[in-house]
PDB file of N, CA and C in Angstrom:
ATOM      1  N   MET A   1       0.824  -1.195   0.000  1.00  0.00           N
ATOM      2  CA  MET A   1       0.000   0.000   0.000  1.00  0.00           C
ATOM      3  C   MET A   1       0.871   1.263   0.000  1.00  0.00           C
ATOM      4  N   ILE A   2       1.888   1.248   0.867  1.00  0.00           N
ATOM      5  CA  ILE A   2       2.782   2.412   0.947  1.00  0.00           C
ATOM      6  C   ILE A   2       3.527   2.585  -0.372  1.00  0.00           C
ATOM      7  N   ARG A   3       3.956   1.489  -0.961  1.00  0.00           N
ATOM      8  CA  ARG A   3       4.662   1.554  -2.237  1.00  0.00           C
ATOM      9  C   ARG A   3       3.766   2.185  -3.306  1.00  0.00           C
ATOM     10  N   PHE A   4       2.489   1.797  -3.315  1.00  0.00           N
ATOM     11  CA  PHE A   4       1.546   2.359  -4.279  1.00  0.00           C
ATOM     12  C   PHE A   4       1.396   3.858  -4.068  1.00  0.00           C
ATOM     13  N   LEU A   5       1.269   4.283  -2.809  1.00  0.00           N
ATOM     14  CA  LEU A   5       1.133   5.708  -2.522  1.00  0.00           C
ATOM     15  C   LEU A   5       2.381   6.477  -2.943  1.00  0.00           C
ATOM     16  N   LYS A   6       3.542   5.881  -2.727  1.00  0.00           N
ATOM     17  CA  LYS A   6       4.791   6.533  -3.133  1.00  0.00           C
ATOM     18  C   LYS A   6       4.834   6.730  -4.642  1.00  0.00           C
ATOM     19  N   TYR A   7       4.504   5.669  -5.388  1.00  0.00           N
ATOM     20  CA  TYR A   7       4.519   5.781  -6.848  1.00  0.00           C
ATOM     21  C   TYR A   7       3.436   6.719  -7.353  1.00  0.00           C
ATOM     22  N   ALA A   8       2.280   6.729  -6.704  1.00  0.00           N
ATOM     23  CA  ALA A   8       1.204   7.647  -7.095  1.00  0.00           C
ATOM     24  C   ALA A   8       1.646   9.092  -6.869  1.00  0.00           C
ATOM     25  N   PHE A   9       2.296   9.356  -5.719  1.00  0.00           N
ATOM     26  CA  PHE A   9       2.783  10.703  -5.440  1.00  0.00           C
ATOM     27  C   PHE A   9       3.829  11.121  -6.463  1.00  0.00           C
ATOM     28  N   LEU A  10       4.762  10.234  -6.777  1.00  0.00           N
ATOM     29  CA  LEU A  10       5.796  10.565  -7.763  1.00  0.00           C
ATOM     30  C   LEU A  10       5.186  10.808  -9.146  1.00  0.00           C
ATOM     31  N   PHE A  11       4.169  10.046  -9.508  1.00  0.00           N
ATOM     32  CA  PHE A  11       3.501  10.246 -10.792  1.00  0.00           C
ATOM     33  C   PHE A  11       2.809  11.606 -10.839  1.00  0.00           C
ATOM     34  N   VAL A  12       2.105  11.959  -9.773  1.00  0.00           N
ATOM     35  CA  VAL A  12       1.418  13.262  -9.725  1.00  0.00           C
ATOM     36  C   VAL A  12       2.446  14.385  -9.751  1.00  0.00           C
ATOM     37  N   LEU A  13       3.537  14.240  -9.007  1.00  0.00           N
ATOM     38  CA  LEU A  13       4.576  15.261  -9.005  1.00  0.00           C
ATOM     39  C   LEU A  13       5.185  15.433 -10.394  1.00  0.00           C
ATOM     40  N   ALA A  14       5.457  14.325 -11.071  1.00  0.00           N
ATOM     41  CA  ALA A  14       6.006  14.397 -12.427  1.00  0.00           C
ATOM     42  C   ALA A  14       5.021  15.067 -13.377  1.00  0.00           C
ATOM     43  N   ALA A  15       3.740  14.774 -13.238  1.00  0.00           N
ATOM     44  CA  ALA A  15       2.723  15.386 -14.099  1.00  0.00           C
ATOM     45  C   ALA A  15       2.647  16.896 -13.864  1.00  0.00           C
ATOM     46  N   VAL A  16       2.707  17.311 -12.602  1.00  0.00           N
ATOM     47  CA  VAL A  16       2.666  18.741 -12.287  1.00  0.00           C
ATOM     48  C   VAL A  16       3.900  19.446 -12.834  1.00  0.00           C
ATOM     49  N   LEU A  17       5.087  18.847 -12.649  1.00  0.00           N
ATOM     50  CA  LEU A  17       6.316  19.459 -13.164  1.00  0.00           C
ATOM     51  C   LEU A  17       6.300  19.535 -14.686  1.00  0.00           C
ATOM     52  N   LEU A  18       5.773  18.520 -15.327  1.00  0.00           N
ATOM     53  CA  LEU A  18       5.663  18.541 -16.790  1.00  0.00           C
ATOM     54  C   LEU A  18       4.694  19.635 -17.245  1.00  0.00           C
ATOM     55  N   ALA A  19       3.587  19.785 -16.545  1.00  0.00           N
ATOM     56  CA  ALA A  19       2.618  20.835 -16.897  1.00  0.00           C
ATOM     57  C   ALA A  19       3.241  22.220 -16.721  1.00  0.00           C
ATOM     58  N   VAL A  20       3.990  22.416 -15.630  1.00  0.00           N
ATOM     59  CA  VAL A  20       4.649  23.711 -15.410  1.00  0.00           C
ATOM     60  C   VAL A  20       5.676  23.966 -16.506  1.00  0.00           C
ATOM     61  N   ALA A  21       6.425  22.946 -16.868  1.00  0.00           N
ATOM     62  CA  ALA A  21       7.437  23.105 -17.912  1.00  0.00           C
ATOM     63  C   ALA A  21       6.803  23.445 -19.251  1.00  0.00           C
ATOM     64  N   LEU A  22       5.711  22.769 -19.601  1.00  0.00           N
ATOM     65  CA  LEU A  22       5.051  23.047 -20.881  1.00  0.00           C
ATOM     66  C   LEU A  22       4.409  24.426 -20.907  1.00  0.00           C
ATOM     67  N   ALA A  23       3.944  24.900 -19.752  1.00  0.00           N
ATOM     68  CA  ALA A  23       3.307  26.217 -19.693  1.00  0.00           C
ATOM     69  C   ALA A  23       4.327  27.351 -19.700  1.00  0.00           C
ATOM     70  N   ASN A  24       5.597  27.060 -19.431  1.00  0.00           N
ATOM     71  CA  ASN A  24       6.631  28.097 -19.326  1.00  0.00           C
ATOM     72  C   ASN A  24       7.806  27.798 -20.242  1.00  0.00           C
ATOM     73  N   ARG A  25       7.503  27.607 -21.520  1.00  0.00           N
ATOM     74  CA  ARG A  25       8.557  27.267 -22.481  1.00  0.00           C
ATOM     75  C   ARG A  25       9.227  28.485 -23.102  1.00  0.00           C
ATOM     76  N   GLN A  26       8.712  29.684 -22.887  1.00  0.00           N
ATOM     77  CA  GLN A  26       9.298  30.854 -23.523  1.00  0.00           C
ATOM     78  C   GLN A  26      10.735  31.070 -23.043  1.00  0.00           C
ATOM     79  N   LEU A  27      11.554  31.581 -23.948  1.00  0.00           N
ATOM     80  CA  LEU A  27      12.966  31.793 -23.634  1.00  0.00           C
ATOM     81  C   LEU A  27      13.158  33.077 -22.838  1.00  0.00           C
ATOM     82  N   VAL A  28      14.055  33.011 -21.891  1.00  0.00           N
ATOM     83  CA  VAL A  28      14.469  34.186 -21.128  1.00  0.00           C
ATOM     84  C   VAL A  28      15.985  34.260 -21.202  1.00  0.00           C
ATOM     85  N   THR A  29      16.519  35.444 -21.025  1.00  0.00           N
ATOM     86  CA  THR A  29      17.962  35.642 -21.090  1.00  0.00           C
ATOM     87  C   THR A  29      18.509  35.774 -19.678  1.00  0.00           C
ATOM     88  N   LEU A  30      19.435  34.910 -19.347  1.00  0.00           N
ATOM     89  CA  LEU A  30      20.129  34.996 -18.064  1.00  0.00           C
ATOM     90  C   LEU A  30      21.440  35.729 -18.297  1.00  0.00           C
ATOM     91  N   LYS A  31      21.694  36.753 -17.481  1.00  0.00           N
ATOM     92  CA  LYS A  31      22.940  37.515 -17.581  1.00  0.00           C
ATOM     93  C   LYS A  31      23.682  37.418 -16.262  1.00  0.00           C
ATOM     94  N   LEU A  32      24.982  37.310 -16.355  1.00  0.00           N
ATOM     95  CA  LEU A  32      25.810  37.223 -15.157  1.00  0.00           C
ATOM     96  C   LEU A  32      25.980  38.594 -14.505  1.00  0.00           C
ATOM     97  N   LEU A  33      26.139  39.631 -15.303  1.00  0.00           N
ATOM     98  CA  LEU A  33      26.385  40.975 -14.788  1.00  0.00           C
ATOM     99  C   LEU A  33      25.295  41.934 -15.262  1.00  0.00           C
ATOM    100  N   THR A  34      25.098  43.027 -14.519  1.00  0.00           N
ATOM    101  CA  THR A  34      24.174  44.073 -14.948  1.00  0.00           C
ATOM    102  C   THR A  34      24.787  44.821 -16.131  1.00  0.00           C
ATOM    103  N   PRO A  35      23.974  45.529 -16.906  1.00  0.00           N
ATOM    104  CA  PRO A  35      24.533  46.272 -18.047  1.00  0.00           C
ATOM    105  C   PRO A  35      25.631  47.263 -17.641  1.00  0.00           C
ATOM    106  N   GLU A  36      25.481  47.907 -16.481  1.00  0.00           N
ATOM    107  CA  GLU A  36      26.498  48.854 -16.029  1.00  0.00           C
ATOM    108  C   GLU A  36      27.829  48.152 -15.753  1.00  0.00           C
ATOM    109  N   LEU A  37      27.754  46.989 -15.080  1.00  0.00           N
ATOM    110  CA  LEU A  37      28.985  46.248 -14.790  1.00  0.00           C
ATOM    111  C   LEU A  37      29.589  45.658 -16.060  1.00  0.00           C
ATOM    112  N   GLU A  38      28.745  45.288 -17.029  1.00  0.00           N
ATOM    113  CA  GLU A  38      29.268  44.792 -18.299  1.00  0.00           C
ATOM    114  C   GLU A  38      30.053  45.891 -19.009  1.00  0.00           C
ATOM    115  N   THR A  39      29.527  47.116 -18.991  1.00  0.00           N
ATOM    116  CA  THR A  39      30.214  48.238 -19.616  1.00  0.00           C
ATOM    117  C   THR A  39      31.528  48.522 -18.888  1.00  0.00           C
ATOM    118  N   PHE A  40      31.478  48.504 -17.572  1.00  0.00           N
ATOM    119  CA  PHE A  40      32.660  48.798 -16.768  1.00  0.00           C
ATOM    120  C   PHE A  40      33.740  47.730 -16.947  1.00  0.00           C
ATOM    121  N   SER A  41      33.341  46.456 -16.927  1.00  0.00           N
ATOM    122  CA  SER A  41      34.337  45.383 -16.996  1.00  0.00           C
ATOM    123  C   SER A  41      34.736  45.034 -18.426  1.00  0.00           C
ATOM    124  N   GLY A  42      33.881  45.331 -19.385  1.00  0.00           N
ATOM    125  CA  GLY A  42      34.161  44.980 -20.765  1.00  0.00           C
ATOM    126  C   GLY A  42      33.942  43.502 -21.040  1.00  0.00           C
ATOM    127  N   TRP A  43      33.311  42.805 -20.119  1.00  0.00           N
ATOM    128  CA  TRP A  43      33.076  41.380 -20.268  1.00  0.00           C
ATOM    129  C   TRP A  43      31.603  41.104 -20.007  1.00  0.00           C
ATOM    130  N   SER A  44      31.007  40.307 -20.842  1.00  0.00           N
ATOM    131  CA  SER A  44      29.595  39.985 -20.627  1.00  0.00           C
ATOM    132  C   SER A  44      29.364  38.502 -20.859  1.00  0.00           C
ATOM    133  N   TRP A  45      28.364  38.003 -20.180  1.00  0.00           N
ATOM    134  CA  TRP A  45      27.969  36.613 -20.343  1.00  0.00           C
ATOM    135  C   TRP A  45      26.457  36.547 -20.241  1.00  0.00           C
ATOM    136  N   SER A  46      25.851  35.928 -21.224  1.00  0.00           N
ATOM    137  CA  SER A  46      24.407  35.750 -21.189  1.00  0.00           C
ATOM    138  C   SER A  46      24.058  34.423 -21.839  1.00  0.00           C
ATOM    139  N   LEU A  47      22.880  33.926 -21.478  1.00  0.00           N
ATOM    140  CA  LEU A  47      22.442  32.624 -21.954  1.00  0.00           C
ATOM    141  C   LEU A  47      20.929  32.650 -22.096  1.00  0.00           C
ATOM    142  N   ASP A  48      20.424  32.190 -23.232  1.00  0.00           N
ATOM    143  CA  ASP A  48      18.980  32.091 -23.440  1.00  0.00           C
ATOM    144  C   ASP A  48      18.522  30.682 -23.089  1.00  0.00           C
ATOM    145  N   VAL A  49      17.629  30.587 -22.105  1.00  0.00           N
ATOM    146  CA  VAL A  49      17.110  29.290 -21.650  1.00  0.00           C
ATOM    147  C   VAL A  49      15.609  29.392 -21.440  1.00  0.00           C
ATOM    148  N   PRO A  50      14.900  28.262 -21.468  1.00  0.00           N
ATOM    149  CA  PRO A  50      13.465  28.296 -21.176  1.00  0.00           C
ATOM    150  C   PRO A  50      13.213  28.696 -19.719  1.00  0.00           C
ATOM    151  N   LEU A  51      12.073  29.333 -19.483  1.00  0.00           N
ATOM    152  CA  LEU A  51      11.739  29.826 -18.148  1.00  0.00           C
ATOM    153  C   LEU A  51      11.643  28.689 -17.131  1.00  0.00           C
ATOM    154  N   TYR A  52      11.102  27.544 -17.544  1.00  0.00           N
ATOM    155  CA  TYR A  52      10.987  26.434 -16.592  1.00  0.00           C
ATOM    156  C   TYR A  52      12.364  25.956 -16.136  1.00  0.00           C
ATOM    157  N   PHE A  53      13.365  26.064 -17.003  1.00  0.00           N
ATOM    158  CA  PHE A  53      14.728  25.688 -16.625  1.00  0.00           C
ATOM    159  C   PHE A  53      15.238  26.594 -15.506  1.00  0.00           C
ATOM    160  N   VAL A  54      14.932  27.874 -15.599  1.00  0.00           N
ATOM    161  CA  VAL A  54      15.336  28.828 -14.563  1.00  0.00           C
ATOM    162  C   VAL A  54      14.650  28.485 -13.243  1.00  0.00           C
ATOM    163  N   ALA A  55      13.340  28.193 -13.305  1.00  0.00           N
ATOM    164  CA  ALA A  55      12.596  27.881 -12.084  1.00  0.00           C
ATOM    165  C   ALA A  55      13.094  26.590 -11.454  1.00  0.00           C
ATOM    166  N   PHE A  56      13.203  25.524 -12.238  1.00  0.00           N
ATOM    167  CA  PHE A  56      13.653  24.246 -11.702  1.00  0.00           C
ATOM    168  C   PHE A  56      15.114  24.321 -11.263  1.00  0.00           C
ATOM    169  N   GLY A  57      15.922  25.051 -11.994  1.00  0.00           N
ATOM    170  CA  GLY A  57      17.327  25.220 -11.612  1.00  0.00           C
ATOM    171  C   GLY A  57      17.458  25.958 -10.292  1.00  0.00           C
ATOM    172  N   GLY A  58      16.608  26.962 -10.091  1.00  0.00           N
ATOM    173  CA  GLY A  58      16.618  27.690  -8.824  1.00  0.00           C
ATOM    174  C   GLY A  58      16.245  26.797  -7.652  1.00  0.00           C
ATOM    175  N   VAL A  59      15.248  25.957  -7.850  1.00  0.00           N
ATOM    176  CA  VAL A  59      14.857  25.013  -6.796  1.00  0.00           C
ATOM    177  C   VAL A  59      15.993  24.031  -6.525  1.00  0.00           C
ATOM    178  N   ALA A  60      16.597  23.509  -7.581  1.00  0.00           N
ATOM    179  CA  ALA A  60      17.693  22.540  -7.415  1.00  0.00           C
ATOM    180  C   ALA A  60      18.885  23.171  -6.703  1.00  0.00           C
ATOM    181  N   ILE A  61      19.241  24.384  -7.074  1.00  0.00           N
ATOM    182  CA  ILE A  61      20.365  25.071  -6.423  1.00  0.00           C
ATOM    183  C   ILE A  61      20.035  25.358  -4.962  1.00  0.00           C
ATOM    184  N   GLY A  62      18.795  25.761  -4.695  1.00  0.00           N
ATOM    185  CA  GLY A  62      18.372  25.994  -3.312  1.00  0.00           C
ATOM    186  C   GLY A  62      18.452  24.734  -2.468  1.00  0.00           C
ATOM    187  N   LEU A  63      18.012  23.608  -3.025  1.00  0.00           N
ATOM    188  CA  LEU A  63      18.108  22.338  -2.304  1.00  0.00           C
ATOM    189  C   LEU A  63      19.565  21.962  -2.051  1.00  0.00           C
ATOM    190  N   LEU A  64      20.401  22.136  -3.046  1.00  0.00           N
ATOM    191  CA  LEU A  64      21.820  21.816  -2.892  1.00  0.00           C
ATOM    192  C   LEU A  64      22.470  22.669  -1.804  1.00  0.00           C
ATOM    193  N   ILE A  65      22.193  23.952  -1.815  1.00  0.00           N
ATOM    194  CA  ILE A  65      22.733  24.842  -0.785  1.00  0.00           C
ATOM    195  C   ILE A  65      22.208  24.432   0.590  1.00  0.00           C
ATOM    196  N   GLY A  66      20.934  24.080   0.681  1.00  0.00           N
ATOM    197  CA  GLY A  66      20.364  23.635   1.953  1.00  0.00           C
ATOM    198  C   GLY A  66      21.008  22.361   2.462  1.00  0.00           C
ATOM    199  N   PHE A  67      21.237  21.388   1.569  1.00  0.00           N
ATOM    200  CA  PHE A  67      21.885  20.139   1.976  1.00  0.00           C
ATOM    201  C   PHE A  67      23.298  20.399   2.475  1.00  0.00           C
ATOM    202  N   ILE A  68      24.044  21.230   1.758  1.00  0.00           N
ATOM    203  CA  ILE A  68      25.421  21.538   2.170  1.00  0.00           C
ATOM    204  C   ILE A  68      25.421  22.272   3.504  1.00  0.00           C
ATOM    205  N   TRP A  69      24.528  23.234   3.656  1.00  0.00           N
ATOM    206  CA  TRP A  69      24.423  24.000   4.901  1.00  0.00           C
ATOM    207  C   TRP A  69      24.132  23.066   6.069  1.00  0.00           C
ATOM    208  N   GLU A  70      23.193  22.150   5.888  1.00  0.00           N
ATOM    209  CA  GLU A  70      22.817  21.217   6.948  1.00  0.00           C
ATOM    210  C   GLU A  70      23.966  20.260   7.258  1.00  0.00           C
ATOM    211  N   TRP A  71      24.685  19.807   6.239  1.00  0.00           N
ATOM    212  CA  TRP A  71      25.826  18.915   6.443  1.00  0.00           C
ATOM    213  C   TRP A  71      26.895  19.612   7.285  1.00  0.00           C
ATOM    214  N   ILE A  72      27.146  20.884   6.990  1.00  0.00           N
ATOM    215  CA  ILE A  72      28.133  21.659   7.760  1.00  0.00           C
ATOM    216  C   ILE A  72      27.628  21.861   9.187  1.00  0.00           C
ATOM    217  N   ARG A  73      26.355  22.171   9.343  1.00  0.00           N
ATOM    218  CA  ARG A  73      25.777  22.417  10.662  1.00  0.00           C
ATOM    219  C   ARG A  73      25.840  21.165  11.538  1.00  0.00           C
ATOM    220  N   GLU A  74      25.662  20.008  10.942  1.00  0.00           N
ATOM    221  CA  GLU A  74      25.640  18.763  11.702  1.00  0.00           C
ATOM    222  C   GLU A  74      27.033  18.170  11.926  1.00  0.00           C
ATOM    223  N   SER A  75      28.073  18.817  11.440  1.00  0.00           N
ATOM    224  CA  SER A  75      29.419  18.250  11.565  1.00  0.00           C
ATOM    225  C   SER A  75      29.823  18.088  13.026  1.00  0.00           C
ATOM    226  N   LYS A  76      29.425  19.024  13.891  1.00  0.00           N
ATOM    227  CA  LYS A  76      29.782  18.893  15.310  1.00  0.00           C
ATOM    228  C   LYS A  76      29.114  17.667  15.924  1.00  0.00           C
ATOM    229  N   HIS A  77      27.909  17.325  15.467  1.00  0.00           N
ATOM    230  CA  HIS A  77      27.229  16.137  15.983  1.00  0.00           C
ATOM    231  C   HIS A  77      27.932  14.861  15.492  1.00  0.00           C
ATOM    232  N   ARG A  78      28.365  14.866  14.231  1.00  0.00           N
ATOM    233  CA  ARG A  78      29.092  13.705  13.704  1.00  0.00           C
ATOM    234  C   ARG A  78      30.413  13.517  14.439  1.00  0.00           C
ATOM    235  N   GLN A  79      31.090  14.618  14.769  1.00  0.00           N
ATOM    236  CA  GLN A  79      32.345  14.529  15.520  1.00  0.00           C
ATOM    237  C   GLN A  79      32.100  13.960  16.912  1.00  0.00           C
ATOM    238  N   GLU A  80      31.023  14.390  17.542  1.00  0.00           N
ATOM    239  CA  GLU A  80      30.685  13.893  18.878  1.00  0.00           C
ATOM    240  C   GLU A  80      30.368  12.399  18.829  1.00  0.00           C
ATOM    241  N   VAL A  81      29.644  11.971  17.811  1.00  0.00           N
ATOM    242  CA  VAL A  81      29.324  10.549  17.658  1.00  0.00           C
ATOM    243  C   VAL A  81      30.604   9.742  17.453  1.00  0.00           C
ATOM    244  N   ALA A  82      31.499  10.229  16.625  1.00  0.00           N
ATOM    245  CA  ALA A  82      32.765   9.526  16.392  1.00  0.00           C
ATOM    246  C   ALA A  82      33.566   9.434  17.688  1.00  0.00           C
ATOM    247  N   LYS A  83      33.580  10.507  18.454  1.00  0.00           N
ATOM    248  CA  LYS A  83      34.298  10.508  19.728  1.00  0.00           C
ATOM    249  C   LYS A  83      33.695   9.480  20.681  1.00  0.00           C
ATOM    250  N   ARG A  84      32.371   9.435  20.750  1.00  0.00           N
ATOM    251  CA  ARG A  84      31.695   8.468  21.631  1.00  0.00           C
ATOM    252  C   ARG A  84      31.946   7.034  21.163  1.00  0.00           C
ATOM    253  N   GLN A  85      31.965   6.808  19.866  1.00  0.00           N
ATOM    254  CA  GLN A  85      32.229   5.468  19.353  1.00  0.00           C
ATOM    255  C   GLN A  85      33.651   5.028  19.704  1.00  0.00           C
ATOM    256  N   ASN A  86      34.600   5.944  19.627  1.00  0.00           N
ATOM    257  CA  ASN A  86      35.976   5.626  20.019  1.00  0.00           C
ATOM    258  C   ASN A  86      36.050   5.295  21.510  1.00  0.00           C
ATOM    259  N   GLN A  87      35.304   6.055  22.337  1.00  0.00           N
ATOM    260  CA  GLN A  87      35.279   5.777  23.766  1.00  0.00           C
ATOM    261  C   GLN A  87      34.678   4.403  24.040  1.00  0.00           C
ATOM    262  N   VAL A  88      33.617   4.058  23.335  1.00  0.00           N
ATOM    263  CA  VAL A  88      32.977   2.755  23.521  1.00  0.00           C
ATOM    264  C   VAL A  88      33.939   1.637  23.144  1.00  0.00           C
ATOM    265  N   ARG A  89      34.630   1.781  22.016  1.00  0.00           N
ATOM    266  CA  ARG A  89      35.603   0.765  21.600  1.00  0.00           C
ATOM    267  C   ARG A  89      36.701   0.606  22.653  1.00  0.00           C
ATOM    268  N   SER A  90      37.182   1.743  23.156  1.00  0.00           N
ATOM    269  CA  SER A  90      38.238   1.706  24.165  1.00  0.00           C
ATOM    270  C   SER A  90      37.749   1.013  25.432  1.00  0.00           C
ATOM    271  N   LEU A  91      36.548   1.346  25.860  1.00  0.00           N
ATOM    272  CA  LEU A  91      36.001   0.727  27.067  1.00  0.00           C
ATOM    273  C   LEU A  91      35.745  -0.768  26.867  1.00  0.00           C
ATOM    274  N   LYS A  92      35.310  -1.160  25.685  1.00  0.00           N
ATOM    275  CA  LYS A  92      35.111  -2.588  25.410  1.00  0.00           C
ATOM    276  C   LYS A  92      36.432  -3.338  25.472  1.00  0.00           C
ATOM    277  N   ARG A  93      37.488  -2.741  24.902  1.00  0.00           N
ATOM    278  CA  ARG A  93      38.811  -3.368  24.976  1.00  0.00           C
ATOM    279  C   ARG A  93      39.264  -3.499  26.430  1.00  0.00           C
ATOM    280  N   GLU A  94      39.024  -2.442  27.205  1.00  0.00           N
ATOM    281  CA  GLU A  94      39.428  -2.460  28.607  1.00  0.00           C
ATOM    282  C   GLU A  94      38.651  -3.523  29.388  1.00  0.00           C
ATOM    283  N   VAL A  95      37.364  -3.644  29.144  1.00  0.00           N
ATOM    284  CA  VAL A  95      36.550  -4.658  29.814  1.00  0.00           C
ATOM    285  C   VAL A  95      37.037  -6.053  29.443  1.00  0.00           C
ATOM    286  N   THR A  96      37.317  -6.265  28.160  1.00  0.00           N
ATOM    287  CA  THR A  96      37.823  -7.562  27.719  1.00  0.00           C
ATOM    288  C   THR A  96      39.148  -7.877  28.396  1.00  0.00           C
ATOM    289  N   LYS A  97      40.014  -6.885  28.473  1.00  0.00           N
ATOM    290  CA  LYS A  97      41.312  -7.066  29.114  1.00  0.00           C
ATOM    291  C   LYS A  97      41.137  -7.388  30.592  1.00  0.00           C
ATOM    292  N   LEU A  98      40.249  -6.657  31.284  1.00  0.00           N
ATOM    293  CA  LEU A  98      40.032  -6.889  32.710  1.00  0.00           C
ATOM    294  C   LEU A  98      39.391  -8.249  32.960  1.00  0.00           C
ATOM    295  N   LYS A  99      38.499  -8.672  32.091  1.00  0.00           N
ATOM    296  CA  LYS A  99      37.897 -10.003  32.245  1.00  0.00           C
ATOM    297  C   LYS A  99      38.965 -11.075  32.100  1.00  0.00           C
ATOM    298  N   GLY A 100      39.860 -10.882  31.161  1.00  0.00           N
ATOM    299  CA  GLY A 100      40.956 -11.831  30.982  1.00  0.00           C
ATOM    300  C   GLY A 100      41.860 -11.872  32.192  1.00  0.00           C
ATOM    301  N   GLU A 101      42.206 -10.707  32.744  1.00  0.00           N
ATOM    302  CA  GLU A 101      43.058 -10.647  33.932  1.00  0.00           C
ATOM    303  C   GLU A 101      42.350 -11.259  35.127  1.00  0.00           C
ATOM    304  N   LYS A 102      41.086 -10.991  35.278  1.00  0.00           N
ATOM    305  CA  LYS A 102      40.317 -11.519  36.397  1.00  0.00           C
ATOM    306  C   LYS A 102      40.262 -13.032  36.311  1.00  0.00           C
ATOM    307  N   GLY A 103      40.081 -13.539  35.113  1.00  0.00           N
ATOM    308  CA  GLY A 103      40.050 -14.987  34.925  1.00  0.00           C
ATOM    309  C   GLY A 103      41.381 -15.617  35.295  1.00  0.00           C
ATOM    310  N   GLU A 104      42.477 -14.979  34.920  1.00  0.00           N
ATOM    311  CA  GLU A 104      43.801 -15.497  35.238  1.00  0.00           C
ATOM    312  C   GLU A 104      44.026 -15.481  36.746  1.00  0.00           C
ATOM    313  N   GLN A 105      43.632 -14.388  37.399  1.00  0.00           N
ATOM    314  CA  GLN A 105      43.802 -14.275  38.841  1.00  0.00           C
ATOM    315  C   GLN A 105      42.961 -15.324  39.561  1.00  0.00           C
ATOM    316  N   ALA A 106      41.762 -15.498  39.077  1.00  0.00           N
ATOM    317  CA  ALA A 106      40.894 -16.489  39.705  1.00  0.00           C
ATOM    318  C   ALA A 106      41.512 -17.876  39.561  1.00  0.00           C
ATOM    319  N   ASP A 107      42.075 -18.167  38.426  1.00  0.00           N
ATOM    320  CA  ASP A 107      42.716 -19.463  38.226  1.00  0.00           C
ATOM    321  C   ASP A 107      43.920 -19.620  39.151  1.00  0.00           C
ATOM    322  N   ASP A 108      44.707 -18.571  39.315  1.00  0.00           N
ATOM    323  CA  ASP A 108      45.870 -18.625  40.190  1.00  0.00           C
ATOM    324  C   ASP A 108      45.434 -18.851  41.634  1.00  0.00           C
ATOM    325  N   VAL A 109      44.421 -18.155  42.050  1.00  0.00           N
ATOM    326  CA  VAL A 109      43.932 -18.296  43.423  1.00  0.00           C
ATOM    327  C   VAL A 109      43.413 -19.706  43.646  1.00  0.00           C
ATOM    328  N   LEU A 110      42.636 -20.210  42.694  1.00  0.00           N
ATOM    329  CA  LEU A 110      42.131 -21.572  42.824  1.00  0.00           C
ATOM    330  C   LEU A 110      43.271 -22.580  42.851  1.00  0.00           C
ATOM    331  N   ALA A 111      44.275 -22.335  42.056  1.00  0.00           N
ATOM    332  CA  ALA A 111      45.431 -23.238  42.044  1.00  0.00           C
ATOM    333  C   ALA A 111      46.131 -23.224  43.398  1.00  0.00           C
ATOM    334  N   LEU A 112      46.272 -22.050  44.015  1.00  0.00           N
ATOM    335  CA  LEU A 112      46.901 -21.957  45.326  1.00  0.00           C
ATOM    336  C   LEU A 112      46.070 -22.660  46.379  1.00  0.00           C
ATOM    337  N   ILE A 113      44.774 -22.502  46.311  1.00  0.00           N
ATOM    338  CA  ILE A 113      43.888 -23.138  47.298  1.00  0.00           C
ATOM    339  C   ILE A 113      43.939 -24.648  47.149  1.00  0.00           C
ATOM    340  N   ASP A 114      43.933 -25.109  45.895  1.00  0.00           N
ATOM    341  CA  ASP A 114      43.964 -26.550  45.664  1.00  0.00           C
ATOM    342  C   ASP A 114      45.283 -27.168  46.121  1.00  0.00           C
ATOM    343  N   ASN A 115      46.387 -26.459  46.003  1.00  0.00           N
ATOM    344  CA  ASN A 115      47.702 -26.991  46.380  1.00  0.00           C
ATOM    345  C   ASN A 115      48.010 -26.798  47.851  1.00  0.00           C
ATOM    346  N   LYS A 116      47.206 -26.066  48.584  1.00  0.00           N
ATOM    347  CA  LYS A 116      47.464 -25.765  49.996  1.00  0.00           C
ATOM    348  C   LYS A 116      47.184 -27.018  50.827  1.00  0.00           C
ATOM    349  N   PRO A 117      48.149 -27.410  51.636  1.00  0.00           N
ATOM    350  CA  PRO A 117      47.902 -28.593  52.491  1.00  0.00           C
ATOM    351  C   PRO A 117      46.877 -28.277  53.563  1.00  0.00           C
ATOM    352  N   ARG A 118      46.031 -29.218  53.847  1.00  0.00           N
ATOM    353  CA  ARG A 118      44.994 -29.036  54.859  1.00  0.00           C
ATOM    354  C   ARG A 118      45.556 -29.404  56.234  1.00  0.00           C
ATOM    355  N   LYS A 119      45.058 -28.654  57.198  1.00  0.00           N
ATOM    356  CA  LYS A 119      45.473 -28.922  58.579  1.00  0.00           C
ATOM    357  C   LYS A 119      44.620 -30.063  59.131  1.00  0.00           C
ATOM    358  N   ALA A 120      45.268 -30.897  59.821  1.00  0.00           N
ATOM    359  CA  ALA A 120      44.525 -31.996  60.455  1.00  0.00           C
ATOM    360  C   ALA A 120      43.884 -31.462  61.717  1.00  0.00           C
ATOM    361  N   GLY A 121      42.721 -31.753  61.913  1.00  0.00           N
ATOM    362  CA  GLY A 121      42.111 -31.123  63.027  1.00  0.00           C
ATOM    363  C   GLY A 121      41.328 -31.867  63.895  1.00  0.00           C
TER     364      GLY A 121
END
């Protein structure tokens, strides 16, 4: 059921995006610099693209900037998780080592008790 809803949503989204693209096919000119800056710098760059490309490109660039921003913002949390994972590994090694030492000590103590002569009483 969930899979069907997911595919239905994606189909409706694709249909809406296609309708927006078909309704906005007219060409627009994208310029890197304003006319004043073009005159001042002597360099100009422009590109004629369909309007829907500008709209969808703006959304895509906005999403990309948002993802990068969030990744940078969460870096301190990832560092903290890595630090905690290292602490857990270290503590697990220490516990394993202590269990091994405790086992050896227990064996030594038992060996001493077993070899100890009993007093006649």
